[in-house]
Amino acid sequence: MRSAFYLGEKYFAEGDMNKAREHWRKALNQGVTEYIEHAAASLRLNAK
C-alpha cells in the first residue's frame, strides 16, 4: 500500500503522470484509510 503511493511519487517526479496516477489509484484501492498515504494519494488524484 505505502509502496504504491511512493512509486507514484517517483513517477510524478520523473514526469510520468500516467504511471503516477496508476500507482496512486492502487494505493487508494487498498482501502487502508489509517495511513497518511491514503489521504495523500487522494489529494494527488484530485489535484488540478
Protein backbone atom coordinates (compact mmCIF):
# COMPACT_ATOMS: atom_id res chain seq x y z
CA MET A 1 0.00 0.00 0.00
CA ARG A 2 2.55 2.52 1.05
CA SER A 3 4.93 1.41 -1.68
CA ALA A 4 2.28 2.13 -4.34
CA PHE A 5 1.98 5.71 -3.13
CA TYR A 6 5.73 6.26 -3.13
CA LEU A 7 6.12 4.69 -6.55
CA GLY A 8 3.51 7.20 -7.69
CA GLU A 9 5.63 9.97 -6.22
CA LYS A 10 8.70 8.63 -8.05
CA TYR A 11 6.90 8.62 -11.38
CA PHE A 12 5.46 12.07 -10.66
CA ALA A 13 8.98 13.41 -10.05
CA GLU A 14 10.09 11.83 -13.33
CA GLY A 15 7.18 13.46 -15.17
CA ASP A 16 5.27 10.25 -15.95
CA MET A 17 1.78 11.26 -14.84
CA ASN A 18 0.07 8.14 -16.23
CA LYS A 19 2.19 5.80 -14.13
CA ALA A 20 1.95 8.14 -11.15
CA ARG A 21 -1.86 8.12 -11.26
CA GLU A 22 -1.90 4.36 -11.71
CA HIS A 23 0.09 3.85 -8.52
CA TRP A 24 -1.87 6.43 -6.53
CA ARG A 25 -5.07 4.61 -7.54
CA LYS A 26 -3.52 1.35 -6.34
CA ALA A 27 -2.77 3.00 -3.00
CA LEU A 28 -6.40 4.13 -2.68
CA ASN A 29 -7.79 0.76 -3.76
CA GLN A 30 -6.05 -0.91 -0.84
CA GLY A 31 -8.57 0.88 1.38
CA VAL A 32 -6.25 1.36 4.35
CA THR A 33 -7.57 4.73 5.44
CA GLU A 34 -5.43 4.80 8.59
CA TYR A 35 -2.28 5.53 6.55
CA ILE A 36 -1.47 9.11 5.61
CA GLU A 37 -0.51 7.82 2.18
CA HIS A 38 -4.17 7.03 1.52
CA ALA A 39 -5.16 10.66 2.05
CA ALA A 40 -2.13 11.91 0.13
CA ALA A 41 -2.96 9.69 -2.85
CA SER A 42 -6.49 11.02 -2.85
CA LEU A 43 -5.23 14.60 -2.81
CA ARG A 44 -2.78 13.88 -5.64
CA LEU A 45 -5.52 12.34 -7.81
CA ASN A 46 -7.91 15.22 -7.16
CA ALA A 47 -5.35 17.98 -7.73
CA LYS A 48 -5.84 20.06 -10.84
